[in-house]
């Protein structure tokens, strides 16, 4: 049986691509699952979650000029891991049209900073790009 992209039958769920584990990882930040997506709850979200070993849910960001203080004092605080990701881990990152490998550079309460190679091009000398990932989809790919 071939599974199409939009086949939502129970059989398709069992035989489709390898899904990410459904259990909540041990982590320094809280971990929650919503429809197979792993993430760390923030602020006043009402979600069943596994408490973090070191930190509670990250407070919501503050608007305007107060955002910088929130980032410096709360969000960018280094952590030993983020939802099980540690510096040096190689993961897959889901972009709108592609999936590619990336290496975790660092972790903080907000997410994991990852670096991935860029294809060569004539108008840029950049060889790598960085982005934060904050959640994992049911297929096991990370995204922001």
N, C-alpha and C. Protein backbone atom coordinates (compact mmCIF):
# COMPACT_ATOMS: atom_id res chain seq x y z
N UNK A 1 0.85 -1.18 0.00
CA UNK A 1 0.00 0.00 0.00
C UNK A 1 0.89 1.24 0.00
N UNK A 2 0.63 2.15 -0.92
CA UNK A 2 1.38 3.40 -0.97
C UNK A 2 0.62 4.47 -0.20
N UNK A 3 1.32 5.20 0.65
CA UNK A 3 0.70 6.23 1.47
C UNK A 3 0.89 7.58 0.79
N UNK A 4 -0.21 8.30 0.55
CA UNK A 4 -0.10 9.62 -0.05
C UNK A 4 0.17 10.64 1.05
N UNK A 5 0.51 11.83 0.64
CA UNK A 5 0.83 12.90 1.59
C UNK A 5 -0.33 13.21 2.52
N UNK A 6 -1.57 13.09 2.04
CA UNK A 6 -2.73 13.48 2.83
C UNK A 6 -3.56 12.30 3.31
N UNK A 7 -3.01 11.10 3.29
CA UNK A 7 -3.75 9.93 3.76
C UNK A 7 -3.72 9.93 5.28
N UNK A 8 -4.86 10.16 5.91
CA UNK A 8 -4.92 10.27 7.36
C UNK A 8 -5.51 9.03 8.01
N UNK A 9 -5.58 7.94 7.29
CA UNK A 9 -6.14 6.73 7.86
C UNK A 9 -5.22 6.17 8.94
N UNK A 10 -5.78 5.40 9.89
CA UNK A 10 -4.94 4.81 10.94
C UNK A 10 -3.84 3.92 10.37
N UNK A 11 -4.14 3.20 9.28
CA UNK A 11 -3.12 2.33 8.67
C UNK A 11 -1.96 3.16 8.13
N UNK A 12 -2.27 4.30 7.54
CA UNK A 12 -1.22 5.17 7.00
C UNK A 12 -0.33 5.69 8.12
N UNK A 13 -0.91 5.98 9.25
CA UNK A 13 -0.13 6.49 10.38
C UNK A 13 0.87 5.44 10.86
N UNK A 14 0.50 4.18 10.77
CA UNK A 14 1.40 3.11 11.22
C UNK A 14 2.46 2.78 10.19
N UNK A 15 2.16 2.94 8.89
CA UNK A 15 3.08 2.51 7.85
C UNK A 15 3.78 3.65 7.14
N UNK A 16 3.50 4.89 7.52
CA UNK A 16 4.10 6.05 6.87
C UNK A 16 5.57 6.20 7.25
N UNK A 17 6.14 7.37 6.97
CA UNK A 17 7.55 7.60 7.31
C UNK A 17 7.79 7.41 8.80
N UNK A 18 9.02 7.10 9.13
CA UNK A 18 9.37 6.88 10.54
C UNK A 18 9.02 8.12 11.35
N UNK A 19 8.17 7.95 12.33
CA UNK A 19 7.75 9.08 13.16
C UNK A 19 8.70 9.26 14.33
N UNK A 20 8.76 10.49 14.83
CA UNK A 20 9.58 10.79 16.00
C UNK A 20 8.96 10.13 17.22
N UNK A 21 9.77 9.81 18.21
CA UNK A 21 9.22 9.20 19.42
C UNK A 21 8.14 10.09 20.04
N UNK A 22 7.11 9.46 20.60
CA UNK A 22 5.99 10.20 21.17
C UNK A 22 6.20 10.54 22.64
N UNK A 23 7.26 10.06 23.26
CA UNK A 23 7.47 10.36 24.67
C UNK A 23 8.19 11.71 24.83
N UNK A 24 8.00 12.29 25.98
CA UNK A 24 8.62 13.58 26.27
C UNK A 24 10.05 13.35 26.74
N UNK A 25 11.02 14.03 26.14
CA UNK A 25 12.41 13.82 26.53
C UNK A 25 12.75 14.45 27.87
N UNK A 26 13.74 13.90 28.53
CA UNK A 26 14.31 14.55 29.71
C UNK A 26 15.03 15.78 29.20
N UNK A 27 14.76 16.93 29.80
CA UNK A 27 15.30 18.18 29.29
C UNK A 27 15.42 19.20 30.40
N UNK A 28 16.32 20.17 30.21
CA UNK A 28 16.46 21.24 31.19
C UNK A 28 15.31 22.23 31.09
N UNK A 29 14.58 22.23 29.96
CA UNK A 29 13.39 23.08 29.78
C UNK A 29 12.16 22.18 29.73
N UNK A 30 10.96 22.72 29.99
CA UNK A 30 9.76 21.89 29.92
C UNK A 30 9.53 21.34 28.52
N UNK A 31 8.88 20.19 28.44
CA UNK A 31 8.59 19.55 27.15
C UNK A 31 7.10 19.23 27.07
N UNK A 32 6.51 19.48 25.90
CA UNK A 32 5.09 19.18 25.68
C UNK A 32 4.91 18.64 24.27
N UNK A 33 3.84 17.90 24.07
CA UNK A 33 3.47 17.38 22.75
C UNK A 33 2.08 17.91 22.39
N UNK A 34 1.93 18.33 21.14
CA UNK A 34 0.63 18.73 20.63
C UNK A 34 0.50 18.16 19.23
N UNK A 35 -0.39 17.18 19.05
CA UNK A 35 -0.60 16.50 17.76
C UNK A 35 0.71 16.01 17.16
N UNK A 36 1.58 15.45 18.01
CA UNK A 36 2.84 14.90 17.55
C UNK A 36 3.98 15.89 17.44
N UNK A 37 3.71 17.17 17.65
CA UNK A 37 4.76 18.18 17.59
C UNK A 37 5.33 18.41 18.99
N UNK A 38 6.64 18.25 19.12
CA UNK A 38 7.33 18.45 20.40
C UNK A 38 7.74 19.91 20.50
N UNK A 39 7.48 20.53 21.65
CA UNK A 39 7.86 21.93 21.85
C UNK A 39 7.99 22.19 23.34
N UNK A 40 8.50 23.37 23.69
CA UNK A 40 8.59 23.79 25.08
C UNK A 40 7.53 24.85 25.32
N UNK A 41 6.57 24.60 26.22
CA UNK A 41 5.49 25.58 26.43
C UNK A 41 6.04 26.89 27.00
N UNK A 42 5.37 27.98 26.64
CA UNK A 42 5.79 29.31 27.08
C UNK A 42 4.67 30.01 27.83
N UNK A 43 5.06 30.92 28.68
CA UNK A 43 4.11 31.81 29.34
C UNK A 43 3.00 31.10 30.06
N UNK A 44 1.79 31.52 29.80
CA UNK A 44 0.63 30.99 30.51
C UNK A 44 -0.10 29.92 29.72
N UNK A 45 0.57 29.27 28.76
CA UNK A 45 -0.08 28.21 27.99
C UNK A 45 -0.60 27.14 28.94
N UNK A 46 -1.77 26.67 28.67
CA UNK A 46 -2.31 25.57 29.46
C UNK A 46 -2.06 24.31 28.63
N UNK A 47 -1.02 23.62 28.97
CA UNK A 47 -0.66 22.41 28.24
C UNK A 47 -0.09 21.40 29.22
N UNK A 48 -0.45 20.14 29.02
CA UNK A 48 0.19 19.11 29.82
C UNK A 48 1.64 19.06 29.38
N UNK A 49 2.55 19.13 30.32
CA UNK A 49 3.95 19.11 29.95
C UNK A 49 4.78 18.44 31.04
N UNK A 50 5.96 18.00 30.63
CA UNK A 50 6.95 17.48 31.56
C UNK A 50 7.74 18.68 32.03
N UNK A 51 7.81 18.93 33.34
CA UNK A 51 8.58 20.08 33.82
C UNK A 51 10.05 19.97 33.42
N UNK A 52 10.68 21.10 33.22
CA UNK A 52 12.11 21.10 32.93
C UNK A 52 12.92 20.78 34.18
N UNK A 53 14.09 20.18 33.98
CA UNK A 53 14.95 19.85 35.11
C UNK A 53 15.55 21.09 35.76
N UNK A 54 15.74 22.17 34.98
CA UNK A 54 16.36 23.39 35.50
C UNK A 54 15.47 24.62 35.41
N UNK A 55 14.55 24.65 34.44
CA UNK A 55 13.77 25.85 34.18
C UNK A 55 12.29 25.55 34.03
N UNK A 56 11.47 26.53 34.39
CA UNK A 56 10.04 26.46 34.14
C UNK A 56 9.76 26.99 32.74
N UNK A 57 8.48 27.11 32.38
CA UNK A 57 8.15 27.66 31.07
C UNK A 57 8.73 29.07 30.90
N UNK A 58 9.21 29.35 29.72
CA UNK A 58 9.77 30.66 29.40
C UNK A 58 8.65 31.69 29.38
N UNK A 59 8.80 32.81 30.09
CA UNK A 59 7.76 33.84 30.04
C UNK A 59 7.59 34.35 28.61
N UNK A 60 6.40 34.82 28.29
CA UNK A 60 6.14 35.39 26.96
C UNK A 60 7.02 36.61 26.74
N UNK A 61 7.38 36.85 25.49
CA UNK A 61 8.21 38.02 25.18
C UNK A 61 7.41 39.30 25.41
N UNK A 62 8.16 40.33 25.70
CA UNK A 62 7.54 41.63 25.94
C UNK A 62 7.59 42.44 24.64
N UNK A 63 6.57 43.23 24.36
CA UNK A 63 6.56 44.01 23.12
C UNK A 63 7.48 45.23 23.20
N UNK A 64 7.84 45.74 22.05
CA UNK A 64 8.58 46.99 21.96
C UNK A 64 9.98 46.92 22.53
N UNK A 65 10.39 48.02 23.15
CA UNK A 65 11.75 48.15 23.67
C UNK A 65 12.04 47.15 24.79
N UNK A 66 11.02 46.67 25.49
CA UNK A 66 11.23 45.71 26.58
C UNK A 66 11.64 44.34 26.07
N UNK A 67 11.50 44.09 24.75
CA UNK A 67 11.86 42.80 24.19
C UNK A 67 13.33 42.47 24.44
N UNK A 68 14.20 43.44 24.27
CA UNK A 68 15.64 43.20 24.44
C UNK A 68 15.95 42.73 25.86
N UNK A 69 15.34 43.34 26.85
CA UNK A 69 15.54 42.92 28.23
C UNK A 69 15.05 41.49 28.46
N UNK A 70 13.90 41.15 27.85
CA UNK A 70 13.37 39.78 27.94
C UNK A 70 14.36 38.80 27.31
N UNK A 71 14.89 39.14 26.14
CA UNK A 71 15.83 38.25 25.46
C UNK A 71 17.09 38.05 26.29
N UNK A 72 17.67 39.13 26.80
CA UNK A 72 18.92 39.05 27.56
C UNK A 72 18.74 38.35 28.91
N UNK A 73 17.66 38.64 29.61
CA UNK A 73 17.47 38.12 30.98
C UNK A 73 16.78 36.76 31.03
N UNK A 74 15.96 36.44 30.04
CA UNK A 74 15.16 35.21 30.10
C UNK A 74 15.48 34.22 28.97
N UNK A 75 15.27 34.65 27.74
CA UNK A 75 15.28 33.72 26.60
C UNK A 75 16.65 33.19 26.23
N UNK A 76 17.68 34.04 26.25
CA UNK A 76 18.99 33.60 25.77
C UNK A 76 19.87 32.98 26.85
N UNK A 77 19.29 32.69 28.02
CA UNK A 77 20.05 32.04 29.10
C UNK A 77 20.52 30.67 28.61
N UNK A 78 21.83 30.41 28.60
CA UNK A 78 22.32 29.11 28.12
C UNK A 78 21.79 27.95 28.97
N UNK A 79 21.51 26.83 28.29
CA UNK A 79 21.05 25.61 28.95
C UNK A 79 21.92 24.44 28.49
N UNK A 80 22.00 23.37 29.28
CA UNK A 80 22.78 22.20 28.85
C UNK A 80 22.18 21.52 27.63
N UNK A 81 20.86 21.66 27.45
CA UNK A 81 20.18 21.06 26.31
C UNK A 81 18.88 21.81 26.06
N UNK A 82 18.27 21.54 24.92
CA UNK A 82 16.93 22.05 24.62
C UNK A 82 16.13 20.89 24.06
N UNK A 83 15.19 20.40 24.83
CA UNK A 83 14.36 19.26 24.44
C UNK A 83 15.21 18.08 23.98
N UNK A 84 16.29 17.86 24.67
CA UNK A 84 17.18 16.74 24.36
C UNK A 84 18.29 17.06 23.37
N UNK A 85 18.23 18.19 22.70
CA UNK A 85 19.29 18.58 21.76
C UNK A 85 20.46 19.15 22.52
N UNK A 86 21.66 18.77 22.12
CA UNK A 86 22.89 19.29 22.74
C UNK A 86 23.82 19.79 21.63
N UNK A 87 24.70 20.71 22.00
CA UNK A 87 25.68 21.23 21.03
C UNK A 87 26.44 20.07 20.41
N UNK A 88 26.58 20.12 19.09
CA UNK A 88 27.27 19.07 18.36
C UNK A 88 26.34 18.04 17.73
N UNK A 89 25.09 17.96 18.18
CA UNK A 89 24.13 17.02 17.58
C UNK A 89 23.86 17.41 16.13
N UNK A 90 23.69 16.41 15.27
CA UNK A 90 23.31 16.64 13.88
C UNK A 90 21.84 16.26 13.76
N UNK A 91 21.03 17.20 13.27
CA UNK A 91 19.59 17.01 13.16
C UNK A 91 19.14 17.34 11.74
N UNK A 92 17.86 17.12 11.45
CA UNK A 92 17.30 17.56 10.19
C UNK A 92 16.38 18.74 10.47
N UNK A 93 16.44 19.74 9.58
CA UNK A 93 15.64 20.96 9.73
C UNK A 93 14.65 21.02 8.58
N UNK A 94 13.39 21.25 8.92
CA UNK A 94 12.32 21.37 7.92
C UNK A 94 12.21 22.82 7.47
N UNK A 95 12.46 23.08 6.20
CA UNK A 95 12.24 24.39 5.59
C UNK A 95 10.95 24.28 4.78
N UNK A 96 10.42 25.38 4.25
CA UNK A 96 9.16 25.28 3.51
C UNK A 96 9.18 24.26 2.37
N UNK A 97 10.30 24.15 1.66
CA UNK A 97 10.34 23.24 0.50
C UNK A 97 11.38 22.13 0.62
N UNK A 98 12.22 22.16 1.65
CA UNK A 98 13.29 21.18 1.75
C UNK A 98 13.49 20.73 3.19
N UNK A 99 14.21 19.65 3.32
CA UNK A 99 14.69 19.16 4.61
C UNK A 99 16.19 19.02 4.46
N UNK A 100 16.96 19.55 5.42
CA UNK A 100 18.41 19.44 5.32
C UNK A 100 19.03 19.20 6.68
N UNK A 101 20.25 18.68 6.67
CA UNK A 101 20.98 18.42 7.90
C UNK A 101 21.55 19.72 8.46
N UNK A 102 21.59 19.79 9.78
CA UNK A 102 22.17 20.95 10.46
C UNK A 102 22.84 20.46 11.73
N UNK A 103 23.78 21.24 12.22
CA UNK A 103 24.50 20.92 13.45
C UNK A 103 24.08 21.90 14.53
N UNK A 104 23.78 21.39 15.71
CA UNK A 104 23.40 22.25 16.83
C UNK A 104 24.66 22.97 17.31
N UNK A 105 24.60 24.30 17.34
CA UNK A 105 25.73 25.13 17.77
C UNK A 105 25.66 25.38 19.27
N UNK A 106 24.46 25.75 19.76
CA UNK A 106 24.27 26.03 21.18
C UNK A 106 22.79 25.89 21.52
N UNK A 107 22.51 25.85 22.83
CA UNK A 107 21.12 25.76 23.28
C UNK A 107 20.88 26.82 24.36
N UNK A 108 19.63 27.28 24.43
CA UNK A 108 19.22 28.23 25.45
C UNK A 108 17.76 27.96 25.78
N UNK A 109 17.17 28.74 26.68
CA UNK A 109 15.78 28.52 27.04
C UNK A 109 14.84 28.70 25.86
N UNK A 110 15.18 29.55 24.91
CA UNK A 110 14.34 29.83 23.76
C UNK A 110 14.33 28.69 22.74
N UNK A 111 15.48 28.06 22.51
CA UNK A 111 15.58 27.02 21.48
C UNK A 111 17.01 26.57 21.28
N UNK A 112 17.24 25.93 20.15
CA UNK A 112 18.58 25.46 19.79
C UNK A 112 19.03 26.21 18.55
N UNK A 113 20.21 26.80 18.60
CA UNK A 113 20.78 27.49 17.45
C UNK A 113 21.49 26.44 16.60
N UNK A 114 21.10 26.36 15.30
CA UNK A 114 21.69 25.37 14.40
C UNK A 114 22.36 26.06 13.23
N UNK A 115 23.34 25.38 12.67
CA UNK A 115 24.07 25.90 11.50
C UNK A 115 23.97 24.86 10.38
N UNK A 116 23.69 25.35 9.17
CA UNK A 116 23.60 24.44 8.02
C UNK A 116 24.31 25.07 6.82
N UNK A 117 24.85 24.23 5.92
CA UNK A 117 25.58 24.76 4.78
C UNK A 117 24.64 25.37 3.73
N UNK A 118 25.13 26.40 3.06
CA UNK A 118 24.40 27.02 1.95
C UNK A 118 25.02 26.57 0.64
N UNK A 119 24.22 26.42 -0.39
CA UNK A 119 24.80 26.07 -1.69
C UNK A 119 25.61 27.24 -2.23
N UNK A 120 26.66 26.97 -3.00
CA UNK A 120 27.44 28.08 -3.57
C UNK A 120 26.59 28.90 -4.53
N UNK A 121 26.83 30.19 -4.53
CA UNK A 121 26.12 31.05 -5.48
C UNK A 121 27.03 32.22 -5.87
N UNK A 122 26.68 32.87 -6.97
CA UNK A 122 27.52 33.94 -7.52
C UNK A 122 27.40 35.25 -6.76
N UNK A 123 26.32 35.49 -6.04
CA UNK A 123 26.10 36.79 -5.44
C UNK A 123 26.34 36.83 -3.93
N UNK A 124 26.83 35.73 -3.35
CA UNK A 124 27.11 35.73 -1.91
C UNK A 124 28.32 34.86 -1.61
N UNK A 125 29.10 35.27 -0.63
CA UNK A 125 30.24 34.46 -0.22
C UNK A 125 29.93 33.62 1.02
N UNK A 126 28.71 33.74 1.54
CA UNK A 126 28.33 32.98 2.73
C UNK A 126 28.33 31.49 2.43
N UNK A 127 28.91 30.72 3.35
CA UNK A 127 28.94 29.27 3.18
C UNK A 127 27.99 28.55 4.12
N UNK A 128 27.55 29.26 5.19
CA UNK A 128 26.65 28.67 6.17
C UNK A 128 25.60 29.69 6.60
N UNK A 129 24.50 29.20 7.12
CA UNK A 129 23.46 30.05 7.72
C UNK A 129 23.12 29.47 9.08
N UNK A 130 22.59 30.30 9.94
CA UNK A 130 22.18 29.86 11.28
C UNK A 130 20.73 30.25 11.51
N UNK A 131 20.03 29.45 12.31
CA UNK A 131 18.67 29.77 12.71
C UNK A 131 18.37 29.03 14.01
N UNK A 132 17.35 29.50 14.71
CA UNK A 132 16.88 28.79 15.90
C UNK A 132 15.81 27.79 15.48
N UNK A 133 15.83 26.63 16.13
CA UNK A 133 14.73 25.68 16.01
C UNK A 133 14.11 25.55 17.39
N UNK A 134 12.78 25.48 17.42
CA UNK A 134 12.08 25.45 18.70
C UNK A 134 11.09 24.31 18.81
N UNK A 135 10.87 23.55 17.73
CA UNK A 135 9.88 22.46 17.77
C UNK A 135 10.29 21.36 16.80
N UNK A 136 9.75 20.15 17.03
CA UNK A 136 10.00 19.00 16.16
C UNK A 136 8.67 18.47 15.66
N UNK A 137 8.56 18.22 14.36
CA UNK A 137 7.31 17.71 13.80
C UNK A 137 7.23 16.19 13.94
N UNK A 138 6.08 15.59 13.66
CA UNK A 138 5.94 14.14 13.83
C UNK A 138 6.90 13.31 13.00
N UNK A 139 7.42 13.87 11.91
CA UNK A 139 8.39 13.14 11.08
C UNK A 139 9.80 13.19 11.65
N UNK A 140 10.00 13.96 12.73
CA UNK A 140 11.30 14.04 13.38
C UNK A 140 12.17 15.20 12.94
N UNK A 141 11.65 16.07 12.07
CA UNK A 141 12.41 17.24 11.60
C UNK A 141 12.11 18.44 12.49
N UNK A 142 13.14 19.24 12.74
CA UNK A 142 13.02 20.42 13.61
C UNK A 142 12.67 21.63 12.78
N UNK A 143 12.02 22.61 13.40
CA UNK A 143 11.63 23.84 12.71
C UNK A 143 11.45 24.96 13.73
N UNK A 144 11.23 26.16 13.23
CA UNK A 144 10.99 27.34 14.08
C UNK A 144 9.57 27.76 13.92
